[in-house]
Amino acid sequence: MRPATYIVVAALAGFIGGNVLQLPDLVGKVSDKFADKKTEPADFWSTPAIDGYGKIHFVNTPAFNPGSTPGLSNKIVFQINRSEGDIRQPNLGLERVARVTNLYYAAGVPLNQLNFVVSINSDAVPAALNNEQFRKAYGVDNPNLKLISELEKAGVKVSICDQSVAFHQLEREWIDPMVTHTLSSGTTVATLQNEGYAFLML
């Protein structure tokens, strides 16, 4: 490669890298343009089905509304494979499952008509640890257990990929007993999709 080509490549890399590093600032500036700092009513956000988790602002619109569309099976399998943000806070994927559950319920679908399954795998596995093991690893109680409990109360089945448990060199008994063990997340998702479940990656 000629020296001039190296210079061009380096310049392009610097330009792209610099702009990528500025992305958070740019996103913040755009968000600020639309943020009105207005005071929201006390009932603007709610958690009607999963108390305290997955807050929603419900708007009763007819388009693609699960509560007003006849014949829906309401079968969804959610796959969560990331541990985002602060490990001392509930997993954001589980929060999103709570949000979808709240939205369906607010739209008029009774909890006993929801067929929701969560499949935890990969880097999200620590979310399913029992308190003792989570505390050993991270120094705090597992913040996901209350959320998992609320999901289970609402009829949402939370499962764990035993392949991921093995890959992370964890013991099966370290997983909280509320969580259902499965052969793998891949086989869980594929099996449920073949049974007519919609698939959401969170």
N, C-alpha and C. Protein backbone atom coordinates (compact mmCIF):
# COMPACT_ATOMS: atom_id res chain seq x y z
N MET A 1 0.86 -1.19 0.00
CA MET A 1 0.00 0.00 0.00
C MET A 1 0.89 1.24 0.00
N ARG A 2 0.56 2.23 -0.82
CA ARG A 2 1.35 3.45 -0.92
C ARG A 2 1.17 4.31 0.32
N PRO A 3 2.19 5.13 0.64
CA PRO A 3 2.09 6.02 1.82
C PRO A 3 0.87 6.92 1.77
N ALA A 4 0.55 7.42 0.57
CA ALA A 4 -0.63 8.30 0.44
C ALA A 4 -1.90 7.57 0.82
N THR A 5 -1.95 6.27 0.47
CA THR A 5 -3.15 5.46 0.80
C THR A 5 -3.27 5.30 2.31
N TYR A 6 -2.13 5.09 2.99
CA TYR A 6 -2.15 4.98 4.45
C TYR A 6 -2.71 6.26 5.09
N ILE A 7 -2.31 7.38 4.53
CA ILE A 7 -2.76 8.66 5.07
C ILE A 7 -4.27 8.81 4.93
N VAL A 8 -4.78 8.44 3.74
CA VAL A 8 -6.23 8.53 3.48
C VAL A 8 -7.00 7.61 4.42
N VAL A 9 -6.50 6.36 4.57
CA VAL A 9 -7.17 5.39 5.45
C VAL A 9 -7.16 5.89 6.89
N ALA A 10 -6.02 6.41 7.33
CA ALA A 10 -5.91 6.91 8.70
C ALA A 10 -6.86 8.09 8.92
N ALA A 11 -6.94 8.97 7.93
CA ALA A 11 -7.83 10.12 8.06
C ALA A 11 -9.29 9.69 8.15
N LEU A 12 -9.65 8.73 7.29
CA LEU A 12 -11.04 8.21 7.32
C LEU A 12 -11.33 7.55 8.66
N ALA A 13 -10.39 6.74 9.13
CA ALA A 13 -10.59 6.05 10.41
C ALA A 13 -10.76 7.06 11.54
N GLY A 14 -9.93 8.10 11.52
CA GLY A 14 -10.05 9.14 12.55
C GLY A 14 -11.37 9.86 12.50
N PHE A 15 -11.83 10.15 11.27
CA PHE A 15 -13.12 10.85 11.10
C PHE A 15 -14.28 10.00 11.61
N ILE A 16 -14.28 8.71 11.17
CA ILE A 16 -15.37 7.80 11.58
C ILE A 16 -15.32 7.57 13.08
N GLY A 17 -14.11 7.28 13.61
CA GLY A 17 -13.98 7.03 15.05
C GLY A 17 -14.42 8.21 15.87
N GLY A 18 -14.00 9.41 15.45
CA GLY A 18 -14.38 10.61 16.18
C GLY A 18 -15.88 10.82 16.21
N ASN A 19 -16.53 10.56 15.08
CA ASN A 19 -17.99 10.75 15.03
C ASN A 19 -18.73 9.69 15.83
N VAL A 20 -18.20 8.45 15.82
CA VAL A 20 -18.83 7.39 16.61
C VAL A 20 -18.74 7.72 18.09
N LEU A 21 -17.57 8.24 18.52
CA LEU A 21 -17.41 8.60 19.92
C LEU A 21 -18.36 9.73 20.33
N GLN A 22 -18.75 10.55 19.36
CA GLN A 22 -19.64 11.67 19.67
C GLN A 22 -21.11 11.29 19.63
N LEU A 23 -21.41 10.05 19.21
CA LEU A 23 -22.81 9.65 19.07
C LEU A 23 -23.64 9.87 20.33
N PRO A 24 -23.16 9.48 21.53
CA PRO A 24 -23.98 9.72 22.74
C PRO A 24 -24.34 11.19 22.91
N ASP A 25 -23.37 12.09 22.63
CA ASP A 25 -23.64 13.52 22.75
C ASP A 25 -24.68 13.96 21.74
N LEU A 26 -24.56 13.44 20.50
CA LEU A 26 -25.51 13.81 19.45
C LEU A 26 -26.92 13.34 19.79
N VAL A 27 -27.01 12.09 20.30
CA VAL A 27 -28.32 11.55 20.68
C VAL A 27 -28.92 12.39 21.79
N GLY A 28 -28.08 12.79 22.77
CA GLY A 28 -28.57 13.62 23.87
C GLY A 28 -29.10 14.95 23.38
N LYS A 29 -28.39 15.55 22.42
CA LYS A 29 -28.84 16.84 21.88
C LYS A 29 -30.18 16.71 21.18
N VAL A 30 -30.35 15.63 20.41
CA VAL A 30 -31.63 15.41 19.72
C VAL A 30 -32.74 15.18 20.72
N SER A 31 -32.48 14.34 21.74
CA SER A 31 -33.50 14.06 22.75
C SER A 31 -33.92 15.33 23.48
N ASP A 32 -32.93 16.18 23.79
CA ASP A 32 -33.23 17.41 24.50
C ASP A 32 -34.14 18.34 23.71
N LYS A 33 -34.04 18.27 22.38
CA LYS A 33 -34.87 19.13 21.53
C LYS A 33 -36.35 18.78 21.68
N PHE A 34 -36.62 17.50 21.96
CA PHE A 34 -38.01 17.05 22.05
C PHE A 34 -38.50 16.93 23.49
N ALA A 35 -37.59 17.04 24.45
CA ALA A 35 -37.97 16.90 25.85
C ALA A 35 -38.50 18.23 26.36
N ASP A 36 -39.74 18.22 26.77
CA ASP A 36 -40.41 19.45 27.20
C ASP A 36 -40.32 19.65 28.70
N LYS A 37 -39.70 18.94 29.45
CA LYS A 37 -39.58 19.15 30.90
C LYS A 37 -40.93 19.44 31.55
N LYS A 38 -42.01 19.01 30.89
CA LYS A 38 -43.33 19.28 31.46
C LYS A 38 -43.61 18.30 32.60
N THR A 39 -44.48 18.70 33.47
CA THR A 39 -44.86 17.84 34.59
C THR A 39 -45.91 16.85 34.11
N GLU A 40 -45.64 15.57 34.33
CA GLU A 40 -46.58 14.53 33.90
C GLU A 40 -47.59 14.25 35.01
N PRO A 41 -48.84 13.94 34.64
CA PRO A 41 -49.82 13.57 35.66
C PRO A 41 -49.36 12.34 36.44
N ALA A 42 -49.85 12.19 37.63
CA ALA A 42 -49.43 11.08 38.50
C ALA A 42 -49.69 9.72 37.86
N ASP A 43 -50.75 9.64 37.05
CA ASP A 43 -51.11 8.35 36.44
C ASP A 43 -50.59 8.21 35.01
N PHE A 44 -49.65 9.05 34.59
CA PHE A 44 -49.14 9.01 33.22
C PHE A 44 -48.47 7.66 32.94
N TRP A 45 -47.68 7.18 33.89
CA TRP A 45 -47.03 5.87 33.79
C TRP A 45 -47.71 4.91 34.75
N SER A 46 -47.81 3.65 34.33
CA SER A 46 -48.44 2.65 35.21
C SER A 46 -47.81 1.28 34.98
N THR A 47 -48.04 0.40 35.95
CA THR A 47 -47.60 -1.00 35.84
C THR A 47 -48.77 -1.88 36.26
N PRO A 48 -49.78 -2.00 35.40
CA PRO A 48 -51.05 -2.63 35.79
C PRO A 48 -51.00 -4.13 36.07
N ALA A 49 -50.07 -4.85 35.44
CA ALA A 49 -50.03 -6.30 35.63
C ALA A 49 -48.82 -6.75 36.44
N ILE A 50 -47.67 -6.13 36.18
CA ILE A 50 -46.43 -6.50 36.87
C ILE A 50 -46.06 -5.34 37.77
N ASP A 51 -46.52 -5.39 38.99
CA ASP A 51 -46.42 -4.26 39.91
C ASP A 51 -44.99 -3.76 40.09
N GLY A 52 -44.77 -2.50 39.71
CA GLY A 52 -43.48 -1.87 39.92
C GLY A 52 -42.46 -2.08 38.81
N TYR A 53 -42.81 -2.83 37.77
CA TYR A 53 -41.85 -3.13 36.70
C TYR A 53 -42.48 -2.92 35.32
N GLY A 54 -41.64 -2.54 34.36
CA GLY A 54 -42.09 -2.42 32.98
C GLY A 54 -43.14 -1.35 32.79
N LYS A 55 -42.85 -0.13 33.29
CA LYS A 55 -43.87 0.92 33.25
C LYS A 55 -44.27 1.26 31.83
N ILE A 56 -45.55 1.59 31.66
CA ILE A 56 -46.11 1.91 30.35
C ILE A 56 -46.92 3.19 30.43
N HIS A 57 -47.06 3.84 29.29
CA HIS A 57 -48.04 4.92 29.12
C HIS A 57 -49.06 4.39 28.13
N PHE A 58 -50.21 3.98 28.63
CA PHE A 58 -51.19 3.31 27.77
C PHE A 58 -52.00 4.31 26.96
N VAL A 59 -52.10 4.03 25.67
CA VAL A 59 -52.94 4.81 24.76
C VAL A 59 -53.84 3.82 24.03
N ASN A 60 -55.14 4.00 24.16
CA ASN A 60 -56.08 3.03 23.59
C ASN A 60 -56.31 3.31 22.10
N THR A 61 -55.45 2.74 21.26
CA THR A 61 -55.57 2.91 19.82
C THR A 61 -56.00 1.60 19.18
N PRO A 62 -56.75 1.64 18.09
CA PRO A 62 -57.28 0.41 17.48
C PRO A 62 -56.28 -0.37 16.64
N ALA A 63 -55.24 0.28 16.11
CA ALA A 63 -54.34 -0.39 15.18
C ALA A 63 -53.50 -1.47 15.88
N PHE A 64 -53.59 -2.68 15.35
CA PHE A 64 -52.81 -3.82 15.86
C PHE A 64 -52.96 -3.99 17.37
N ASN A 65 -54.14 -3.79 17.86
CA ASN A 65 -54.40 -3.86 19.29
C ASN A 65 -54.75 -5.30 19.68
N PRO A 66 -53.94 -5.94 20.53
CA PRO A 66 -54.21 -7.34 20.88
C PRO A 66 -55.52 -7.53 21.64
N GLY A 67 -55.98 -6.46 22.30
CA GLY A 67 -57.22 -6.59 23.05
C GLY A 67 -58.47 -6.52 22.20
N SER A 68 -58.35 -6.00 20.98
CA SER A 68 -59.53 -5.86 20.13
C SER A 68 -59.40 -6.64 18.82
N THR A 69 -58.38 -7.50 18.73
CA THR A 69 -58.19 -8.33 17.53
C THR A 69 -58.64 -9.75 17.84
N PRO A 70 -59.73 -10.20 17.24
CA PRO A 70 -60.25 -11.53 17.57
C PRO A 70 -59.35 -12.66 17.08
N GLY A 71 -59.38 -13.76 17.83
CA GLY A 71 -58.71 -14.98 17.41
C GLY A 71 -57.23 -15.07 17.69
N LEU A 72 -56.67 -14.13 18.43
CA LEU A 72 -55.24 -14.19 18.72
C LEU A 72 -54.93 -15.27 19.76
N SER A 73 -53.80 -15.92 19.59
CA SER A 73 -53.39 -16.93 20.57
C SER A 73 -52.62 -16.29 21.72
N ASN A 74 -52.09 -15.09 21.48
CA ASN A 74 -51.28 -14.38 22.50
C ASN A 74 -50.12 -15.24 22.99
N LYS A 75 -49.49 -15.95 22.04
CA LYS A 75 -48.36 -16.81 22.38
C LYS A 75 -47.06 -16.12 21.94
N ILE A 76 -46.19 -15.82 22.91
CA ILE A 76 -44.91 -15.17 22.61
C ILE A 76 -43.81 -15.86 23.40
N VAL A 77 -42.68 -16.12 22.73
CA VAL A 77 -41.47 -16.56 23.42
C VAL A 77 -40.46 -15.42 23.31
N PHE A 78 -39.97 -14.99 24.46
CA PHE A 78 -38.99 -13.91 24.54
C PHE A 78 -37.61 -14.52 24.80
N GLN A 79 -36.62 -14.12 24.05
CA GLN A 79 -35.26 -14.59 24.31
C GLN A 79 -34.42 -13.42 24.82
N ILE A 80 -33.79 -13.63 25.96
CA ILE A 80 -32.95 -12.59 26.58
C ILE A 80 -31.53 -13.13 26.67
N ASN A 81 -30.59 -12.47 26.00
CA ASN A 81 -29.21 -12.98 26.01
C ASN A 81 -28.17 -11.93 26.38
N ARG A 82 -28.63 -10.80 26.94
CA ARG A 82 -27.68 -9.74 27.30
C ARG A 82 -27.86 -9.31 28.74
N SER A 83 -26.77 -8.86 29.32
CA SER A 83 -26.81 -8.23 30.63
C SER A 83 -26.41 -6.78 30.42
N GLU A 84 -27.41 -5.89 30.36
CA GLU A 84 -27.15 -4.49 30.05
C GLU A 84 -27.19 -3.64 31.32
N GLY A 85 -26.46 -2.56 31.29
CA GLY A 85 -26.54 -1.61 32.39
C GLY A 85 -25.94 -2.13 33.69
N ASP A 86 -26.46 -1.63 34.78
CA ASP A 86 -25.95 -1.93 36.12
C ASP A 86 -26.43 -3.31 36.56
N ILE A 87 -25.50 -4.20 36.88
CA ILE A 87 -25.84 -5.56 37.30
C ILE A 87 -26.67 -5.54 38.59
N ARG A 88 -26.62 -4.42 39.34
CA ARG A 88 -27.37 -4.32 40.60
C ARG A 88 -28.81 -3.89 40.38
N GLN A 89 -29.18 -3.68 39.11
CA GLN A 89 -30.55 -3.34 38.75
C GLN A 89 -31.16 -4.49 37.95
N PRO A 90 -32.49 -4.60 37.91
CA PRO A 90 -33.10 -5.69 37.15
C PRO A 90 -32.66 -5.69 35.68
N ASN A 91 -32.50 -6.87 35.13
CA ASN A 91 -32.11 -7.04 33.74
C ASN A 91 -33.11 -6.31 32.83
N LEU A 92 -32.59 -5.52 31.89
CA LEU A 92 -33.46 -4.71 31.03
C LEU A 92 -34.34 -5.58 30.13
N GLY A 93 -33.86 -6.76 29.77
CA GLY A 93 -34.69 -7.67 28.98
C GLY A 93 -35.91 -8.12 29.76
N LEU A 94 -35.72 -8.46 31.04
CA LEU A 94 -36.85 -8.84 31.89
C LEU A 94 -37.81 -7.67 32.09
N GLU A 95 -37.25 -6.45 32.21
CA GLU A 95 -38.10 -5.26 32.30
C GLU A 95 -38.96 -5.12 31.04
N ARG A 96 -38.38 -5.42 29.88
CA ARG A 96 -39.13 -5.31 28.62
C ARG A 96 -40.24 -6.37 28.54
N VAL A 97 -39.97 -7.55 29.07
CA VAL A 97 -41.03 -8.57 29.14
C VAL A 97 -42.17 -8.06 30.01
N ALA A 98 -41.82 -7.46 31.15
CA ALA A 98 -42.84 -6.89 32.03
C ALA A 98 -43.63 -5.81 31.30
N ARG A 99 -42.94 -5.00 30.48
CA ARG A 99 -43.62 -3.93 29.75
C ARG A 99 -44.62 -4.51 28.75
N VAL A 100 -44.22 -5.54 28.01
CA VAL A 100 -45.13 -6.16 27.05
C VAL A 100 -46.33 -6.76 27.77
N THR A 101 -46.07 -7.41 28.91
CA THR A 101 -47.16 -7.99 29.71
C THR A 101 -48.12 -6.90 30.16
N ASN A 102 -47.58 -5.80 30.66
CA ASN A 102 -48.43 -4.67 31.08
C ASN A 102 -49.24 -4.12 29.92
N LEU A 103 -48.63 -4.02 28.75
CA LEU A 103 -49.32 -3.48 27.58
C LEU A 103 -50.47 -4.39 27.14
N TYR A 104 -50.22 -5.68 27.10
CA TYR A 104 -51.28 -6.62 26.73
C TYR A 104 -52.44 -6.54 27.72
N TYR A 105 -52.09 -6.52 28.99
CA TYR A 105 -53.12 -6.48 30.03
C TYR A 105 -53.91 -5.17 29.96
N ALA A 106 -53.22 -4.06 29.78
CA ALA A 106 -53.89 -2.76 29.69
C ALA A 106 -54.77 -2.69 28.45
N ALA A 107 -54.39 -3.42 27.40
CA ALA A 107 -55.18 -3.42 26.17
C ALA A 107 -56.44 -4.28 26.29
N GLY A 108 -56.56 -5.00 27.41
CA GLY A 108 -57.78 -5.77 27.64
C GLY A 108 -57.63 -7.27 27.55
N VAL A 109 -56.40 -7.77 27.44
CA VAL A 109 -56.19 -9.22 27.39
C VAL A 109 -55.99 -9.74 28.81
N PRO A 110 -56.88 -10.60 29.30
CA PRO A 110 -56.72 -11.13 30.67
C PRO A 110 -55.41 -11.91 30.81
N LEU A 111 -54.83 -11.88 31.99
CA LEU A 111 -53.57 -12.58 32.21
C LEU A 111 -53.68 -14.07 31.92
N ASN A 112 -54.84 -14.66 32.19
CA ASN A 112 -54.98 -16.10 31.94
C ASN A 112 -55.09 -16.44 30.46
N GLN A 113 -55.11 -15.41 29.61
CA GLN A 113 -55.11 -15.64 28.16
C GLN A 113 -53.76 -15.33 27.52
N LEU A 114 -52.78 -14.97 28.35
CA LEU A 114 -51.44 -14.73 27.84
C LEU A 114 -50.63 -16.02 27.93
N ASN A 115 -49.94 -16.34 26.86
CA ASN A 115 -49.06 -17.50 26.83
C ASN A 115 -47.65 -17.00 26.54
N PHE A 116 -46.99 -16.52 27.58
CA PHE A 116 -45.67 -15.92 27.47
C PHE A 116 -44.61 -16.82 28.10
N VAL A 117 -43.52 -17.03 27.38
CA VAL A 117 -42.39 -17.81 27.88
C VAL A 117 -41.12 -16.98 27.69
N VAL A 118 -40.30 -16.91 28.71
CA VAL A 118 -39.02 -16.21 28.64
C VAL A 118 -37.91 -17.25 28.62
N SER A 119 -36.98 -17.08 27.68
CA SER A 119 -35.83 -17.97 27.60
C SER A 119 -34.56 -17.16 27.84
N ILE A 120 -33.92 -17.38 29.00
CA ILE A 120 -32.71 -16.65 29.37
C ILE A 120 -31.50 -17.48 28.95
N ASN A 121 -30.55 -16.82 28.28
CA ASN A 121 -29.33 -17.54 27.90
C ASN A 121 -28.15 -16.59 27.80
N SER A 122 -27.01 -17.13 27.42
CA SER A 122 -25.80 -16.35 27.16
C SER A 122 -25.44 -15.44 28.34
N ASP A 123 -25.15 -14.16 28.07
CA ASP A 123 -24.68 -13.26 29.12
C ASP A 123 -25.75 -12.86 30.12
N ALA A 124 -27.01 -13.21 29.85
CA ALA A 124 -28.10 -12.87 30.78
C ALA A 124 -28.26 -13.89 31.89
N VAL A 125 -27.53 -14.98 31.84
CA VAL A 125 -27.70 -16.08 32.80
C VAL A 125 -27.62 -15.64 34.27
N PRO A 126 -26.71 -14.72 34.65
CA PRO A 126 -26.67 -14.33 36.07
C PRO A 126 -27.99 -13.80 36.62
N ALA A 127 -28.87 -13.31 35.76
CA ALA A 127 -30.17 -12.81 36.23
C ALA A 127 -30.99 -13.90 36.92
N ALA A 128 -30.69 -15.16 36.61
CA ALA A 128 -31.47 -16.27 37.17
C ALA A 128 -30.81 -16.93 38.37
N LEU A 129 -29.67 -16.41 38.81
CA LEU A 129 -29.00 -17.00 39.97
C LEU A 129 -29.81 -16.80 41.25
N ASN A 130 -29.68 -17.76 42.18
CA ASN A 130 -30.33 -17.56 43.47
C ASN A 130 -29.56 -16.48 44.25
N ASN A 131 -30.17 -16.00 45.32
CA ASN A 131 -29.58 -14.88 46.07
C ASN A 131 -28.18 -15.19 46.58
N GLU A 132 -27.99 -16.40 47.09
CA GLU A 132 -26.70 -16.76 47.67
C GLU A 132 -25.58 -16.65 46.65
N GLN A 133 -25.80 -17.23 45.46
CA GLN A 133 -24.76 -17.22 44.44
C GLN A 133 -24.58 -15.84 43.82
N PHE A 134 -25.67 -15.11 43.66
CA PHE A 134 -25.57 -13.76 43.11
C PHE A 134 -24.78 -12.86 44.07
N ARG A 135 -25.05 -13.01 45.36
CA ARG A 135 -24.35 -12.20 46.36
C ARG A 135 -22.85 -12.54 46.38
N LYS A 136 -22.52 -13.81 46.22
CA LYS A 136 -21.12 -14.21 46.17
C LYS A 136 -20.40 -13.57 44.98
N ALA A 137 -21.12 -13.51 43.84
CA ALA A 137 -20.51 -13.00 42.62
C ALA A 137 -20.47 -11.48 42.56
N TYR A 138 -21.55 -10.83 43.05
CA TYR A 138 -21.68 -9.38 42.83
C TYR A 138 -21.83 -8.55 44.10
N GLY A 139 -21.90 -9.22 45.25
CA GLY A 139 -21.92 -8.49 46.52
C GLY A 139 -23.26 -7.92 46.93
N VAL A 140 -24.31 -8.20 46.18
CA VAL A 140 -25.67 -7.73 46.51
C VAL A 140 -26.67 -8.84 46.23
N ASP A 141 -27.87 -8.70 46.79
CA ASP A 141 -28.94 -9.65 46.48
C ASP A 141 -29.33 -9.52 45.01
N ASN A 142 -29.82 -10.61 44.45
CA ASN A 142 -30.23 -10.61 43.04
C ASN A 142 -31.45 -9.71 42.83
N PRO A 143 -31.31 -8.60 42.10
CA PRO A 143 -32.43 -7.68 41.92
C PRO A 143 -33.49 -8.19 40.95
N ASN A 144 -33.20 -9.32 40.30
CA ASN A 144 -34.14 -9.87 39.31
C ASN A 144 -35.18 -10.80 39.91
N LEU A 145 -34.93 -11.30 41.12
CA LEU A 145 -35.80 -12.34 41.66
C LEU A 145 -37.22 -11.84 41.95
N LYS A 146 -37.35 -10.62 42.45
CA LYS A 146 -38.69 -10.09 42.69
C LYS A 146 -39.43 -9.91 41.36
N LEU A 147 -38.72 -9.43 40.34
CA LEU A 147 -39.34 -9.26 39.02
C LEU A 147 -39.74 -10.62 38.43
N ILE A 148 -38.86 -11.60 38.54
CA ILE A 148 -39.21 -12.95 38.05
C ILE A 148 -40.42 -13.49 38.79
N SER A 149 -40.47 -13.25 40.11
CA SER A 149 -41.61 -13.69 40.90
C SER A 149 -42.91 -13.04 40.42
N GLU A 150 -42.86 -11.73 40.16
CA GLU A 150 -44.05 -11.02 39.67
C GLU A 150 -44.47 -11.53 38.29
N LEU A 151 -43.50 -11.82 37.44
CA LEU A 151 -43.82 -12.38 36.12
C LEU A 151 -44.49 -13.75 36.26
N GLU A 152 -43.93 -14.58 37.14
CA GLU A 152 -44.50 -15.91 37.34
C GLU A 152 -45.93 -15.82 37.90
N LYS A 153 -46.17 -14.87 38.81
CA LYS A 153 -47.52 -14.68 39.36
C LYS A 153 -48.51 -14.32 38.27
N ALA A 154 -48.02 -13.61 37.26
CA ALA A 154 -48.88 -13.19 36.14
C ALA A 154 -49.02 -14.29 35.09
N GLY A 155 -48.37 -15.43 35.32
CA GLY A 155 -48.49 -16.55 34.38
C GLY A 155 -47.39 -16.62 33.34
N VAL A 156 -46.38 -15.74 33.45
CA VAL A 156 -45.27 -15.76 32.51
C VAL A 156 -44.24 -16.79 33.00
N LYS A 157 -43.93 -17.77 32.14
CA LYS A 157 -42.97 -18.81 32.54
C LYS A 157 -41.56 -18.36 32.17
N VAL A 158 -40.69 -18.32 33.18
CA VAL A 158 -39.30 -17.91 32.96
C VAL A 158 -38.41 -19.14 32.97
N SER A 159 -37.61 -19.30 31.91
CA SER A 159 -36.77 -20.50 31.78
C SER A 159 -35.31 -20.11 31.56
N ILE A 160 -34.43 -21.10 31.77
CA ILE A 160 -32.99 -20.88 31.64
C ILE A 160 -32.42 -21.94 30.70
N CYS A 161 -31.45 -21.53 29.89
CA CYS A 161 -30.75 -22.44 28.98
C CYS A 161 -29.65 -23.18 29.73
N ASP A 162 -29.78 -24.49 29.87
CA ASP A 162 -28.78 -25.24 30.62
C ASP A 162 -27.44 -25.34 29.88
N GLN A 163 -27.45 -25.10 28.57
CA GLN A 163 -26.18 -25.04 27.85
C GLN A 163 -25.39 -23.80 28.30
N SER A 164 -26.10 -22.70 28.45
CA SER A 164 -25.43 -21.46 28.90
C SER A 164 -24.95 -21.60 30.35
N VAL A 165 -25.75 -22.28 31.17
CA VAL A 165 -25.34 -22.54 32.55
C VAL A 165 -24.01 -23.30 32.56
N ALA A 166 -23.91 -24.31 31.71
CA ALA A 166 -22.68 -25.12 31.63
C ALA A 166 -21.52 -24.29 31.08
N PHE A 167 -21.76 -23.52 30.02
CA PHE A 167 -20.69 -22.71 29.42
C PHE A 167 -20.13 -21.68 30.39
N HIS A 168 -21.00 -21.18 31.29
CA HIS A 168 -20.54 -20.21 32.28
C HIS A 168 -19.96 -20.90 33.52
N GLN A 169 -19.86 -22.22 33.47
CA GLN A 169 -19.30 -23.03 34.56
C GLN A 169 -20.06 -22.81 35.88
N LEU A 170 -21.39 -22.75 35.74
CA LEU A 170 -22.25 -22.63 36.91
C LEU A 170 -22.86 -23.99 37.22
N GLU A 171 -23.28 -24.18 38.46
CA GLU A 171 -23.98 -25.41 38.85
C GLU A 171 -25.48 -25.20 38.64
N ARG A 172 -26.16 -26.25 38.22
CA ARG A 172 -27.60 -26.13 37.96
C ARG A 172 -28.36 -25.69 39.21
N GLU A 173 -27.91 -26.16 40.38
CA GLU A 173 -28.62 -25.82 41.61
C GLU A 173 -28.39 -24.37 42.04
N TRP A 174 -27.49 -23.67 41.38
CA TRP A 174 -27.29 -22.27 41.68
C TRP A 174 -28.39 -21.39 41.07
N ILE A 175 -29.14 -21.96 40.14
CA ILE A 175 -30.25 -21.22 39.52
C ILE A 175 -31.44 -21.21 40.47
N ASP A 176 -32.10 -20.07 40.60
CA ASP A 176 -33.24 -19.98 41.53
C ASP A 176 -34.33 -20.97 41.13
N PRO A 177 -34.95 -21.63 42.11
CA PRO A 177 -35.96 -22.66 41.82
C PRO A 177 -37.21 -22.14 41.10
N MET A 178 -37.43 -20.83 41.09
CA MET A 178 -38.57 -20.30 40.33
C MET A 178 -38.40 -20.50 38.83
N VAL A 179 -37.14 -20.63 38.40
CA VAL A 179 -36.81 -20.65 36.97
C VAL A 179 -36.80 -22.09 36.45
N THR A 180 -37.41 -22.29 35.28
CA THR A 180 -37.50 -23.62 34.67
C THR A 180 -36.26 -23.92 33.84
N HIS A 181 -35.66 -25.09 34.08
CA HIS A 181 -34.49 -25.51 33.30
C HIS A 181 -34.93 -26.08 31.95
N THR A 182 -34.20 -25.73 30.89
CA THR A 182 -34.47 -26.30 29.57
C THR A 182 -33.17 -26.81 28.97
N LEU A 183 -33.30 -27.69 28.00
CA LEU A 183 -32.13 -28.25 27.32
C LEU A 183 -31.25 -27.13 26.76
N SER A 184 -31.87 -26.19 26.08
CA SER A 184 -31.15 -25.04 25.54
C SER A 184 -32.15 -23.96 25.15
N SER A 185 -31.65 -22.75 24.99
CA SER A 185 -32.51 -21.67 24.54
C SER A 185 -32.92 -21.86 23.08
N GLY A 186 -31.96 -22.33 22.27
CA GLY A 186 -32.25 -22.55 20.86
C GLY A 186 -33.37 -23.55 20.64
N THR A 187 -33.31 -24.68 21.37
CA THR A 187 -34.36 -25.69 21.21
C THR A 187 -35.69 -25.21 21.80
N THR A 188 -35.61 -24.42 22.86
CA THR A 188 -36.84 -23.87 23.45
C THR A 188 -37.54 -22.96 22.46
N VAL A 189 -36.79 -22.02 21.89
CA VAL A 189 -37.38 -21.07 20.94
C VAL A 189 -37.91 -21.81 19.71
N ALA A 190 -37.12 -22.73 19.15
CA ALA A 190 -37.54 -23.46 17.96
C ALA A 190 -38.79 -24.29 18.22
N THR A 191 -38.82 -24.97 19.36
CA THR A 191 -39.99 -25.79 19.70
C THR A 191 -41.24 -24.94 19.82
N LEU A 192 -41.12 -23.82 20.52
CA LEU A 192 -42.29 -22.97 20.71
C LEU A 192 -42.72 -22.28 19.42
N GLN A 193 -41.76 -21.90 18.58
CA GLN A 193 -42.13 -21.32 17.29
C GLN A 193 -42.89 -22.34 16.43
N ASN A 194 -42.47 -23.59 16.52
CA ASN A 194 -43.20 -24.64 15.78
C ASN A 194 -44.58 -24.89 16.35
N GLU A 195 -44.80 -24.43 17.60
CA GLU A 195 -46.13 -24.53 18.20
C GLU A 195 -46.94 -23.26 17.99
N GLY A 196 -46.41 -22.33 17.20
CA GLY A 196 -47.16 -21.14 16.85
C GLY A 196 -46.87 -19.91 17.70
N TYR A 197 -45.80 -19.93 18.48
CA TYR A 197 -45.42 -18.77 19.28
C TYR A 197 -44.71 -17.73 18.41
N ALA A 198 -45.02 -16.46 18.62
CA ALA A 198 -44.24 -15.38 18.04
C ALA A 198 -42.94 -15.27 18.81
N PHE A 199 -41.89 -14.78 18.14
CA PHE A 199 -40.57 -14.69 18.76
C PHE A 199 -40.15 -13.24 18.90
N LEU A 200 -39.77 -12.85 20.13
CA LEU A 200 -39.25 -11.51 20.38
C LEU A 200 -37.88 -11.62 21.04
N MET A 201 -36.87 -11.05 20.40
CA MET A 201 -35.53 -11.02 20.98
C MET A 201 -35.39 -9.74 21.81
N LEU A 202 -35.13 -9.88 23.10
CA LEU A 202 -35.01 -8.72 23.97
C LEU A 202 -33.64 -8.64 24.60
